[in-house]
């Protein structure tokens, strides 16, 4: 560990605990405090690897209230690690705020490489991966259709996170805005026993998942709009 680093951003497994890195374990064993999105979830991870360190909640509902006090403690010499429930903090999870404030305060940060759900989903989709747009979760209501309409002309492969109970609705809306000939891929339960990836057109995906009890975190990868060619002019 670099002695001058005060805040470590530590990715944790998205399912299979064997995916944690040796460096991540070393950091978690060495810091003074671990900031966790859910202390119960992270507590199970730490217990599995016999790590006994103080845990403090840091999530979307309290980060604005406590970030100033955490920055002060970092400035006073405490070393902390930030983890989310799964994957890399800051990717559709808490993390951006404390990183921004720490950088503004002159605090050194290190972000460890590690697990994140969208990379394996992108590769397994078979869609172009040289250029892509990560969109995270779509708005639930306000601005949802406006964003989908805007993304209808995006030529890069698009990546979304979605909850199981919203998947079919989202696919139906994408069929409306993007066209039913658009190819897509749904990955769920990545790295777990019941991992599944289904590729096809949007209607084919809807047919596959209709009537099923869909479980697990969802990564939805959608082909971009085909680029115009000279023959189209």
Protein backbone atom coordinates (compact mmCIF):
# COMPACT_ATOMS: atom_id res chain seq x y z
CA UNK A 1 0.00 0.00 0.00
CA UNK A 2 1.10 3.54 -0.74
CA UNK A 3 1.50 5.28 2.62
CA UNK A 4 0.38 8.62 1.19
CA UNK A 5 -2.96 7.32 -0.07
CA UNK A 6 -5.86 8.13 2.24
CA UNK A 7 -8.87 6.82 0.31
CA UNK A 8 -9.04 3.55 -1.61
CA UNK A 9 -11.91 2.73 -3.97
CA UNK A 10 -12.20 -1.05 -3.77
CA UNK A 11 -14.28 -3.15 -6.19
CA UNK A 12 -15.94 -6.20 -4.67
CA UNK A 13 -17.32 -9.34 -6.39
CA UNK A 14 -20.63 -9.07 -8.23
CA UNK A 15 -21.48 -12.64 -7.27
CA UNK A 16 -18.65 -15.15 -7.07
CA UNK A 17 -16.52 -14.27 -4.03
CA UNK A 18 -13.51 -15.83 -5.74
CA UNK A 19 -13.36 -12.81 -8.05
CA UNK A 20 -11.97 -10.51 -5.37
CA UNK A 21 -8.35 -9.57 -5.98
CA UNK A 22 -5.43 -10.21 -3.63
CA UNK A 23 -4.71 -6.48 -3.62
CA UNK A 24 -8.30 -5.69 -2.60
CA UNK A 25 -7.98 -8.06 0.36
CA UNK A 26 -4.66 -6.47 1.38
CA UNK A 27 -6.20 -3.00 1.31
CA UNK A 28 -9.31 -4.01 3.27
CA UNK A 29 -7.12 -5.61 5.93
CA UNK A 30 -4.93 -2.52 6.26
CA UNK A 31 -7.26 0.49 6.34
CA UNK A 32 -8.64 2.13 9.48
CA UNK A 33 -12.26 2.24 8.30
CA UNK A 34 -14.37 0.68 5.55
CA UNK A 35 -17.21 2.76 4.11
CA UNK A 36 -19.95 0.44 2.88
CA UNK A 37 -23.15 0.96 0.90
CA UNK A 38 -24.80 -1.69 3.09
CA UNK A 39 -22.87 -2.77 6.18
CA UNK A 40 -24.80 -6.06 6.35
CA UNK A 41 -23.82 -7.05 2.81
CA UNK A 42 -20.21 -5.95 3.20
CA UNK A 43 -20.07 -7.54 6.65
CA UNK A 44 -20.73 -10.95 5.11
CA UNK A 45 -17.92 -10.40 2.61
CA UNK A 46 -15.47 -9.36 5.31
CA UNK A 47 -16.46 -12.29 7.52
CA UNK A 48 -15.88 -14.72 4.63
CA UNK A 49 -12.30 -13.46 4.31
CA UNK A 50 -11.75 -13.12 8.09
CA UNK A 51 -11.33 -9.34 7.92
CA UNK A 52 -12.18 -7.45 11.08
CA UNK A 53 -12.35 -3.73 10.45
CA UNK A 54 -14.80 -1.01 11.51
CA UNK A 55 -17.66 -0.49 9.06
CA UNK A 56 -19.62 2.71 8.47
CA UNK A 57 -22.63 3.20 6.21
CA UNK A 58 -22.08 5.37 3.15
CA UNK A 59 -24.97 5.34 0.69
CA UNK A 60 -27.13 7.58 -1.49
CA UNK A 61 -29.32 8.62 1.43
CA UNK A 62 -26.60 9.84 3.81
CA UNK A 63 -23.56 10.73 1.72
CA UNK A 64 -24.36 14.45 1.54
CA UNK A 65 -24.80 14.62 5.33
CA UNK A 66 -21.57 12.86 6.31
CA UNK A 67 -19.08 13.51 3.50
CA UNK A 68 -17.67 16.67 5.14
CA UNK A 69 -16.90 14.84 8.38
CA UNK A 70 -15.28 11.97 6.47
CA UNK A 71 -13.06 14.39 4.53
CA UNK A 72 -11.96 15.96 7.81
CA UNK A 73 -11.02 12.56 9.22
CA UNK A 74 -9.08 11.73 6.07
CA UNK A 75 -7.19 15.00 6.38
CA UNK A 76 -6.35 14.10 9.97
CA UNK A 77 -4.63 10.90 8.86
CA UNK A 78 -7.25 8.15 8.79
CA UNK A 79 -7.06 5.73 5.86
CA UNK A 80 -10.37 4.50 4.45
CA UNK A 81 -11.66 2.10 1.83
CA UNK A 82 -14.95 2.61 0.00
CA UNK A 83 -16.92 -0.44 -1.17
CA UNK A 84 -20.38 -0.86 -2.64
CA UNK A 85 -22.67 -3.87 -2.41
CA UNK A 86 -21.10 -5.31 -5.55
CA UNK A 87 -18.78 -4.14 -8.29
CA UNK A 88 -16.89 -0.87 -8.51
CA UNK A 89 -18.09 2.07 -6.37
CA UNK A 90 -19.15 5.06 -8.43
CA UNK A 91 -20.57 2.96 -11.29
CA UNK A 92 -24.31 3.42 -10.61
CA UNK A 93 -23.40 3.24 -6.91
CA UNK A 94 -22.28 5.80 -4.29
CA UNK A 95 -18.74 7.05 -4.75
CA UNK A 96 -18.67 10.09 -7.00
CA UNK A 97 -19.36 12.61 -4.22
CA UNK A 98 -16.62 11.55 -1.81
CA UNK A 99 -14.10 11.18 -4.65
CA UNK A 100 -14.85 14.71 -5.87
CA UNK A 101 -14.65 16.22 -2.39
CA UNK A 102 -11.47 14.33 -1.53
CA UNK A 103 -9.76 15.50 -4.70
CA UNK A 104 -10.76 19.10 -4.01
CA UNK A 105 -9.29 18.73 -0.51
CA UNK A 106 -5.98 17.49 -1.91
CA UNK A 107 -6.43 13.95 -0.60
CA UNK A 108 -4.75 11.18 -2.59
CA UNK A 109 -7.07 8.50 -3.93
CA UNK A 110 -6.41 5.12 -5.49
CA UNK A 111 -9.03 3.13 -7.38
CA UNK A 112 -8.26 -0.56 -7.60
CA UNK A 113 -9.17 -2.46 -10.78
CA UNK A 114 -11.71 -5.20 -10.31
CA UNK A 115 -15.19 -6.54 -10.81
CA UNK A 116 -17.89 -4.64 -12.66
CA UNK A 117 -20.97 -6.12 -14.30
CA UNK A 118 -21.15 -4.28 -17.60
CA UNK A 119 -17.82 -5.45 -19.06
CA UNK A 120 -18.58 -9.21 -19.17
CA UNK A 121 -22.12 -8.45 -20.34
CA UNK A 122 -20.78 -6.31 -23.18
CA UNK A 123 -18.30 -8.96 -24.29
CA UNK A 124 -20.89 -11.76 -24.12
CA UNK A 125 -23.39 -9.74 -26.15
CA UNK A 126 -21.34 -10.13 -29.32
CA UNK A 127 -22.11 -6.49 -30.15
CA UNK A 128 -19.34 -4.04 -31.08
CA UNK A 129 -17.24 -3.25 -28.00
CA UNK A 130 -14.65 -0.88 -29.46
CA UNK A 131 -16.95 2.09 -28.79
CA UNK A 132 -19.85 2.04 -26.36
CA UNK A 133 -22.01 4.31 -24.19
CA UNK A 134 -22.72 3.33 -20.58
CA UNK A 135 -26.11 4.76 -19.56
CA UNK A 136 -26.64 3.03 -16.20
CA UNK A 137 -30.26 3.03 -14.99
CA UNK A 138 -32.87 4.81 -17.09
CA UNK A 139 -35.04 7.36 -15.24
CA UNK A 140 -38.10 5.63 -13.82
CA UNK A 141 -40.57 8.30 -14.90
CA UNK A 142 -39.56 11.91 -15.59
CA UNK A 143 -37.34 12.19 -18.62
CA UNK A 144 -37.44 8.49 -19.49
CA UNK A 145 -39.10 8.80 -22.90
CA UNK A 146 -37.10 11.92 -23.74
CA UNK A 147 -33.86 10.05 -23.09
CA UNK A 148 -34.95 6.99 -25.07
CA UNK A 149 -35.87 9.22 -27.99
CA UNK A 150 -32.44 10.85 -27.84
CA UNK A 151 -30.65 7.49 -27.65
CA UNK A 152 -32.52 6.20 -30.70
CA UNK A 153 -29.89 7.87 -32.90
CA UNK A 154 -26.87 6.73 -30.82
CA UNK A 155 -24.54 4.75 -33.10
CA UNK A 156 -22.41 3.23 -30.33
CA UNK A 157 -23.38 0.07 -28.45
CA UNK A 158 -25.41 1.09 -25.39
CA UNK A 159 -25.27 -0.48 -21.93
CA UNK A 160 -28.00 -0.19 -19.29
CA UNK A 161 -28.60 -1.55 -15.80
CA UNK A 162 -32.16 -2.64 -15.07
CA UNK A 163 -34.14 -4.32 -12.31
CA UNK A 164 -35.91 -7.64 -13.03
CA UNK A 165 -39.42 -6.26 -12.64
CA UNK A 166 -38.78 -3.45 -15.14
CA UNK A 167 -37.00 -5.50 -17.81
CA UNK A 168 -39.97 -6.33 -20.02
CA UNK A 169 -41.33 -2.79 -19.90
CA UNK A 170 -37.92 -1.41 -20.81
CA UNK A 171 -37.53 -3.84 -23.73
CA UNK A 172 -40.99 -2.91 -25.02
CA UNK A 173 -40.17 0.79 -24.86
CA UNK A 174 -36.86 0.22 -26.61
CA UNK A 175 -38.69 -1.61 -29.36
CA UNK A 176 -40.92 1.43 -29.77
CA UNK A 177 -38.12 4.00 -29.82
CA UNK A 178 -35.25 2.02 -31.37
CA UNK A 179 -37.18 -0.33 -33.69
CA UNK A 180 -37.95 -4.02 -33.31
CA UNK A 181 -35.11 -5.01 -35.62
CA UNK A 182 -32.53 -3.68 -33.14
CA UNK A 183 -30.35 -6.44 -31.66
CA UNK A 184 -29.78 -6.61 -27.93
CA UNK A 185 -28.52 -8.82 -25.12
CA UNK A 186 -29.72 -9.47 -21.58
CA UNK A 187 -27.29 -10.79 -18.95
CA UNK A 188 -28.42 -11.64 -15.45
CA UNK A 189 -26.92 -13.29 -12.36
CA UNK A 190 -23.42 -12.74 -13.76
CA UNK A 191 -20.74 -14.93 -12.09
CA UNK A 192 -23.43 -16.81 -10.14
CA UNK A 193 -24.75 -20.37 -10.47
CA UNK A 194 -27.74 -19.41 -12.63
CA UNK A 195 -25.89 -16.95 -14.87
CA UNK A 196 -27.75 -16.39 -18.14
CA UNK A 197 -27.11 -14.34 -21.26
CA UNK A 198 -29.70 -14.18 -24.03
CA UNK A 199 -28.95 -12.50 -27.37
CA UNK A 200 -31.38 -11.61 -30.13
CA UNK A 201 -33.69 -8.95 -31.47
CA UNK A 202 -35.76 -6.99 -28.98
CA UNK A 203 -38.96 -8.99 -29.74
CA UNK A 204 -37.01 -12.25 -29.32
CA UNK A 205 -35.82 -11.14 -25.90
CA UNK A 206 -39.34 -10.14 -24.90
CA UNK A 207 -40.62 -13.56 -25.97
CA UNK A 208 -37.88 -15.32 -24.01
CA UNK A 209 -38.53 -13.51 -20.73
CA UNK A 210 -42.33 -13.14 -20.93
CA UNK A 211 -44.19 -15.17 -18.32
CA UNK A 212 -41.05 -15.95 -16.35
CA UNK A 213 -40.12 -15.07 -12.79
CA UNK A 214 -37.10 -12.95 -13.65
CA UNK A 215 -34.49 -12.73 -10.91
CA UNK A 216 -31.07 -11.20 -10.46
CA UNK A 217 -29.40 -7.96 -11.45
CA UNK A 218 -29.81 -7.19 -15.15
CA UNK A 219 -27.35 -5.77 -17.67
CA UNK A 220 -29.00 -4.83 -20.96
CA UNK A 221 -26.76 -4.25 -23.98
CA UNK A 222 -28.31 -2.74 -27.11
CA UNK A 223 -26.83 -2.28 -30.56
CA UNK A 224 -26.37 1.26 -31.74
CA UNK A 225 -28.19 2.68 -34.74
CA UNK A 226 -26.53 1.44 -37.95
CA UNK A 227 -24.26 4.13 -39.36
CA UNK A 228 -25.37 5.75 -42.60
CA UNK A 229 -23.45 4.76 -45.70
CA UNK A 230 -22.95 6.56 -48.98
CA UNK A 231 -25.57 4.24 -50.49
CA UNK A 232 -28.16 5.70 -48.09
CA UNK A 233 -27.74 9.19 -49.56
